[in-house]
Amino acid sequence: MTEVPEHLLRRAKERKEQLQAKGGATPPAAEGDDAAPDDAAPDDAAPDDEAAAASYAEAEQTGGIPRHLLERSAAARARAAGGGGGEGGGGTATQERAPAAAAAAAAPAAPGPIPAGPGGHTQRLLTVVKAGSIQDVKAKPVDKVHVWPHLLVVEFVAALVITAFLLVFSAFVNAPLLALANFNLTPNPSKAPWYFLGLQELLTMFHPMVAGVTIPGMGIFGLILAPYTDRNPSTRPEDRKFAISLFTIFVMFWAVLVIIGSFFRGPGFNFTFPWSDGIWFDL
């Protein structure tokens, strides 16, 4: 059953307090009820204050319609059922209907079955919809911000911090430079910096055109096409399996080549084992 709105309960409570304070006033008719006709019988009068107050209290507890309103409605239906004779009936019809109306008003009428709608839901004549139920006042979270100033300010501050750290660090720690190069003595093995050892390792396996142009070009071209291949907007790792797999394959491919060139290549760039022949690599 639909819950009675709070403002209606509050107004009914205030009206009951007014009736109790006055002591002799009768409760007002329900909104929407037609006024009683002038020739209504004396039995159609509203119930006394105590009965009205009890009826309101019972209706507030059960969430139904006050009993005295149901009784008055039953009396009105009884008058309408017995008064189909028109004006020609005269006073005799009125006198015949009076005992029946008096008996119907005197006997406490039990509330009839409440009409039910589809699915057994009961319907009320008056339903108040609160404003909060039809207005969306919750602020929706925004997961996007402007690049300026939010992102660029953070990046600029990070660049300043790294620059200051490198400046202070270089003032107290010397760079690990080797001795001057001797053109009469070529170091063996002659290795490129660690970030180029992957390419140097490929040169030992393929033709220079394949190792230096084709394979790196295919890798770079694949990374360029990655955003257009995987268009998943989610930022959750479990939803980005393709992107994570592609990046993992790329990183592990070059990491394995760099590790082999750093620790498993000895004199003549031959394959060695570092645990038996030592490490032929300097930073």
Protein backbone atom coordinates (compact mmCIF):
# COMPACT_ATOMS: atom_id res chain seq x y z
CA MET A 1 0.00 0.00 0.00
CA THR A 2 1.20 3.50 -0.82
CA GLU A 3 2.60 5.33 2.19
CA VAL A 4 0.66 8.39 3.40
CA PRO A 5 2.66 11.59 2.75
CA GLU A 6 4.16 13.27 5.81
CA HIS A 7 2.54 16.66 5.24
CA LEU A 8 -0.93 15.08 5.16
CA LEU A 9 -0.28 13.27 8.44
CA ARG A 10 1.02 16.48 9.98
CA ARG A 11 -2.02 18.42 8.80
CA ALA A 12 -4.38 15.75 10.19
CA LYS A 13 -2.59 15.86 13.53
CA GLU A 14 -2.87 19.64 13.69
CA ARG A 15 -6.58 19.43 12.87
CA LYS A 16 -7.18 16.88 15.61
CA GLU A 17 -5.43 19.15 18.11
CA GLN A 18 -7.65 22.04 17.02
CA LEU A 19 -10.76 19.89 17.47
CA GLN A 20 -9.67 18.81 20.92
CA ALA A 21 -8.98 22.46 21.88
CA LYS A 22 -12.36 23.72 20.65
CA GLY A 23 -14.28 20.87 22.29
CA GLY A 24 -17.46 21.29 20.25
CA ALA A 25 -16.34 21.73 16.65
CA THR A 26 -16.86 19.11 14.03
CA PRO A 27 -14.07 17.88 11.75
CA PRO A 28 -14.00 19.32 8.25
CA ALA A 29 -15.11 17.33 5.28
CA ALA A 30 -12.44 15.55 3.30
CA GLU A 31 -11.06 17.39 0.32
CA GLY A 32 -12.91 16.52 -2.85
CA ASP A 33 -16.16 15.47 -1.06
CA ASP A 34 -19.33 17.18 -2.23
CA ALA A 35 -21.21 19.31 0.23
CA ALA A 36 -24.25 17.67 1.84
CA PRO A 37 -27.58 18.75 0.30
CA ASP A 38 -29.87 21.06 2.20
CA ASP A 39 -32.59 18.41 2.56
CA ALA A 40 -30.23 15.84 4.09
CA ALA A 41 -31.57 13.90 7.02
CA PRO A 42 -30.36 14.70 10.56
CA ASP A 43 -28.66 11.31 10.69
CA ASP A 44 -26.21 12.49 8.03
CA ALA A 45 -24.49 14.86 10.41
CA ALA A 46 -20.78 14.37 11.06
CA PRO A 47 -19.80 12.26 14.08
CA ASP A 48 -18.84 13.85 17.33
CA ASP A 49 -15.33 15.00 18.15
CA GLU A 50 -14.28 11.92 20.09
CA ALA A 51 -15.38 9.54 17.35
CA ALA A 52 -13.64 11.67 14.73
CA ALA A 53 -10.43 11.79 16.75
CA ALA A 54 -10.52 8.02 17.26
CA SER A 55 -11.22 7.52 13.57
CA TYR A 56 -8.26 9.71 12.59
CA ALA A 57 -5.98 7.90 15.06
CA GLU A 58 -7.00 4.50 13.71
CA ALA A 59 -6.49 5.64 10.14
CA GLU A 60 -3.03 7.00 10.99
CA GLN A 61 -1.97 3.67 12.48
CA THR A 62 -3.38 1.48 9.73
CA GLY A 63 -2.70 3.84 6.83
CA GLY A 64 -6.32 3.63 5.65
CA ILE A 65 -9.31 5.95 5.33
CA PRO A 66 -10.94 7.27 8.55
CA ARG A 67 -13.94 5.21 9.65
CA HIS A 68 -16.40 8.13 9.91
CA LEU A 69 -15.71 9.06 6.29
CA LEU A 70 -16.49 5.49 5.22
CA GLU A 71 -19.73 5.58 7.22
CA ARG A 72 -20.75 8.84 5.63
CA SER A 73 -19.96 7.48 2.18
CA ALA A 74 -22.05 4.34 2.88
CA ALA A 75 -24.97 6.49 4.01
CA ALA A 76 -24.72 8.60 0.85
CA ARG A 77 -24.72 5.48 -1.33
CA ALA A 78 -27.77 4.16 0.54
CA ARG A 79 -29.64 7.42 -0.08
CA ALA A 80 -28.69 7.36 -3.74
CA ALA A 81 -29.88 3.75 -4.11
CA GLY A 82 -33.26 4.46 -2.48
CA GLY A 83 -33.93 7.87 -4.06
CA GLY A 84 -34.51 6.98 -7.74
CA GLY A 85 -38.20 8.03 -7.70
CA GLY A 86 -37.60 11.66 -8.72
CA GLU A 87 -39.69 14.63 -7.62
CA GLY A 88 -42.99 12.82 -8.17
CA GLY A 89 -42.45 10.62 -5.13
CA GLY A 90 -43.21 13.49 -2.77
CA GLY A 91 -42.69 13.26 0.96
CA THR A 92 -43.61 9.60 1.15
CA ALA A 93 -40.38 8.46 -0.52
CA THR A 94 -38.38 10.71 1.77
CA GLN A 95 -40.09 9.30 4.83
CA GLU A 96 -39.52 5.73 3.61
CA ARG A 97 -35.83 6.36 3.01
CA ALA A 98 -35.24 8.00 6.37
CA PRO A 99 -35.35 4.79 8.50
CA ALA A 100 -32.99 3.00 6.12
CA ALA A 101 -30.54 5.91 6.13
CA ALA A 102 -30.78 6.18 9.92
CA ALA A 103 -30.09 2.46 10.31
CA ALA A 104 -27.14 2.65 7.93
CA ALA A 105 -25.69 5.63 9.79
CA ALA A 106 -26.26 4.12 13.23
CA ALA A 107 -24.63 0.80 12.46
CA PRO A 108 -20.83 0.98 12.12
CA ALA A 109 -20.25 0.22 8.47
CA ALA A 110 -17.36 -2.13 7.87
CA PRO A 111 -15.00 -0.89 5.22
CA GLY A 112 -15.68 -2.61 1.93
CA PRO A 113 -13.05 -4.31 -0.15
CA ILE A 114 -10.47 -1.90 -1.42
CA PRO A 115 -10.28 -2.07 -5.22
CA ALA A 116 -6.98 -3.44 -6.41
CA GLY A 117 -5.13 -2.68 -9.59
CA PRO A 118 -2.90 -4.94 -11.72
CA GLY A 119 -0.78 -7.24 -9.64
CA GLY A 120 -2.88 -6.64 -6.50
CA HIS A 121 -1.58 -3.10 -5.91
CA THR A 122 -4.08 -0.81 -4.21
CA GLN A 123 -4.54 2.67 -5.56
CA ARG A 124 -5.29 5.87 -3.67
CA LEU A 125 -7.27 8.85 -4.87
CA LEU A 126 -4.49 11.23 -3.85
CA THR A 127 -0.81 10.59 -4.36
CA VAL A 128 1.85 13.16 -3.62
CA VAL A 129 5.18 12.79 -5.39
CA LYS A 130 8.04 14.40 -3.54
CA ALA A 131 10.31 16.69 -5.50
CA GLY A 132 13.42 14.74 -4.55
CA SER A 133 12.21 11.62 -6.33
CA ILE A 134 11.90 13.29 -9.74
CA GLN A 135 14.87 15.66 -9.57
CA ASP A 136 18.42 14.45 -10.01
CA VAL A 137 20.42 16.60 -7.64
CA LYS A 138 23.44 14.33 -7.26
CA ALA A 139 26.66 15.63 -8.76
CA LYS A 140 28.08 13.24 -11.33
CA PRO A 141 31.81 12.55 -10.99
CA VAL A 142 33.95 13.91 -13.81
CA ASP A 143 36.93 11.78 -14.81
CA LYS A 144 38.42 14.30 -17.25
CA VAL A 145 40.25 17.56 -16.56
CA HIS A 146 41.83 20.18 -18.78
CA VAL A 147 45.45 19.78 -19.83
CA TRP A 148 46.12 23.37 -18.80
CA PRO A 149 46.64 24.05 -15.97
CA HIS A 150 46.08 20.69 -14.27
CA LEU A 151 48.50 18.47 -16.23
CA LEU A 152 51.13 20.96 -17.42
CA VAL A 153 51.63 22.48 -13.98
CA VAL A 154 52.38 19.05 -12.50
CA GLU A 155 54.76 18.17 -15.32
CA PHE A 156 56.55 21.51 -15.04
CA VAL A 157 57.05 21.08 -11.29
CA ALA A 158 58.32 17.52 -11.83
CA ALA A 159 60.83 18.78 -14.45
CA LEU A 160 62.10 21.43 -12.04
CA VAL A 161 62.56 18.85 -9.27
CA ILE A 162 64.48 16.44 -11.53
CA THR A 163 66.68 19.25 -12.86
CA ALA A 164 67.55 20.42 -9.36
CA PHE A 165 68.31 16.84 -8.28
CA LEU A 166 70.65 16.23 -11.26
CA LEU A 167 72.40 19.54 -10.66
CA VAL A 168 73.09 18.77 -7.00
CA PHE A 169 73.96 15.14 -7.70
CA SER A 170 76.50 16.04 -10.43
CA ALA A 171 78.18 18.54 -8.12
CA PHE A 172 79.08 15.84 -5.57
CA VAL A 173 79.43 12.64 -7.69
CA ASN A 174 81.81 12.33 -10.63
CA ALA A 175 80.66 10.62 -13.83
CA PRO A 176 82.15 7.10 -14.35
CA LEU A 177 84.22 8.03 -17.42
CA LEU A 178 86.91 5.71 -18.80
CA ALA A 179 90.43 6.66 -19.82
CA LEU A 180 91.23 8.41 -23.06
CA ALA A 181 90.65 6.32 -26.13
CA ASN A 182 93.75 4.65 -27.68
CA PHE A 183 93.42 4.15 -31.43
CA ASN A 184 96.15 1.51 -31.29
CA LEU A 185 94.17 -0.65 -28.83
CA THR A 186 90.63 -1.77 -29.57
CA PRO A 187 88.81 -3.14 -26.52
CA ASN A 188 87.61 -6.71 -26.79
CA PRO A 189 84.70 -7.10 -26.62
CA SER A 190 83.62 -3.76 -28.00
CA LYS A 191 80.06 -3.23 -26.80
CA ALA A 192 77.62 -0.42 -27.45
CA PRO A 193 75.81 1.34 -24.58
CA TRP A 194 73.22 -0.86 -22.89
CA TYR A 195 70.31 0.85 -24.63
CA PHE A 196 71.81 -0.12 -28.06
CA LEU A 197 72.86 -3.64 -27.09
CA GLY A 198 69.55 -5.02 -28.38
CA LEU A 199 70.33 -3.79 -31.89
CA GLN A 200 73.90 -5.03 -31.60
CA GLU A 201 72.60 -8.45 -30.61
CA LEU A 202 70.29 -8.48 -33.64
CA LEU A 203 73.29 -7.73 -35.89
CA THR A 204 74.85 -11.03 -34.84
CA MET A 205 71.74 -12.93 -36.00
CA PHE A 206 70.48 -11.12 -39.14
CA HIS A 207 71.61 -9.02 -42.06
CA PRO A 208 72.25 -5.35 -41.13
CA MET A 209 69.28 -4.27 -43.26
CA VAL A 210 66.97 -6.65 -41.41
CA ALA A 211 68.46 -6.10 -37.94
CA GLY A 212 68.85 -2.32 -38.17
CA VAL A 213 65.84 -1.25 -40.27
CA THR A 214 63.19 -3.92 -40.83
CA ILE A 215 62.69 -5.33 -37.31
CA PRO A 216 62.90 -1.98 -35.44
CA GLY A 217 60.65 -0.37 -38.08
CA MET A 218 58.02 -3.08 -37.67
CA GLY A 219 58.12 -2.63 -33.90
CA ILE A 220 57.69 1.13 -34.12
CA PHE A 221 54.92 0.80 -36.72
CA GLY A 222 53.11 -1.70 -34.48
CA LEU A 223 53.25 0.72 -31.55
CA ILE A 224 51.85 3.48 -33.79
CA LEU A 225 48.89 1.29 -34.75
CA ALA A 226 48.25 0.08 -31.18
CA PRO A 227 45.88 2.97 -30.18
CA TYR A 228 43.82 2.41 -33.34
CA THR A 229 43.72 -1.37 -32.88
CA ASP A 230 42.68 -1.36 -29.22
CA ARG A 231 39.97 1.29 -28.77
CA ASN A 232 38.83 0.11 -25.35
CA PRO A 233 38.14 3.25 -23.23
CA SER A 234 38.44 1.43 -19.90
CA THR A 235 41.38 2.24 -17.61
CA ARG A 236 41.11 -0.94 -15.54
CA PRO A 237 43.99 -3.41 -16.15
CA GLU A 238 41.66 -6.42 -16.23
CA ASP A 239 39.79 -4.84 -19.16
CA ARG A 240 42.93 -4.06 -21.22
CA LYS A 241 44.32 -7.53 -21.82
CA PHE A 242 45.26 -6.84 -25.45
CA ALA A 243 47.16 -3.63 -24.69
CA ILE A 244 48.98 -5.14 -21.73
CA SER A 245 49.93 -8.24 -23.71
CA LEU A 246 51.26 -6.16 -26.61
CA PHE A 247 53.36 -3.94 -24.36
CA THR A 248 54.67 -6.95 -22.40
CA ILE A 249 55.81 -8.68 -25.59
CA PHE A 250 57.57 -5.52 -26.80
CA VAL A 251 59.37 -4.90 -23.51
CA MET A 252 60.40 -8.52 -22.95
CA PHE A 253 61.72 -8.81 -26.53
CA TRP A 254 64.18 -5.95 -26.09
CA ALA A 255 64.94 -6.78 -22.43
CA VAL A 256 66.04 -10.31 -23.34
CA LEU A 257 68.29 -8.99 -26.13
CA VAL A 258 69.89 -6.42 -23.80
CA ILE A 259 70.48 -9.00 -21.06
CA ILE A 260 72.11 -11.43 -23.52
CA GLY A 261 74.34 -8.72 -24.98
CA SER A 262 75.34 -7.44 -21.53
CA PHE A 263 76.08 -10.62 -19.58
CA PHE A 264 76.33 -13.48 -22.10
CA ARG A 265 78.75 -11.96 -24.67
CA GLY A 266 82.51 -12.13 -24.13
CA PRO A 267 85.64 -11.52 -26.23
CA GLY A 268 84.92 -11.43 -29.96
CA PHE A 269 81.25 -11.01 -28.98
CA ASN A 270 81.06 -14.75 -28.55
CA PHE A 271 78.43 -16.41 -26.33
CA THR A 272 79.73 -17.07 -22.81
CA PHE A 273 78.32 -18.00 -19.41
CA PRO A 274 78.82 -15.29 -16.78
CA TRP A 275 79.04 -17.77 -13.86
CA SER A 276 82.07 -19.49 -15.46
CA ASP A 277 83.77 -16.88 -17.73
CA GLY A 278 82.92 -13.70 -15.83
CA ILE A 279 81.00 -10.57 -16.87
CA TRP A 280 82.37 -8.62 -19.83
CA PHE A 281 80.37 -5.47 -19.37
CA ASP A 282 81.15 -2.04 -17.94
CA LEU A 283 78.76 0.82 -17.32
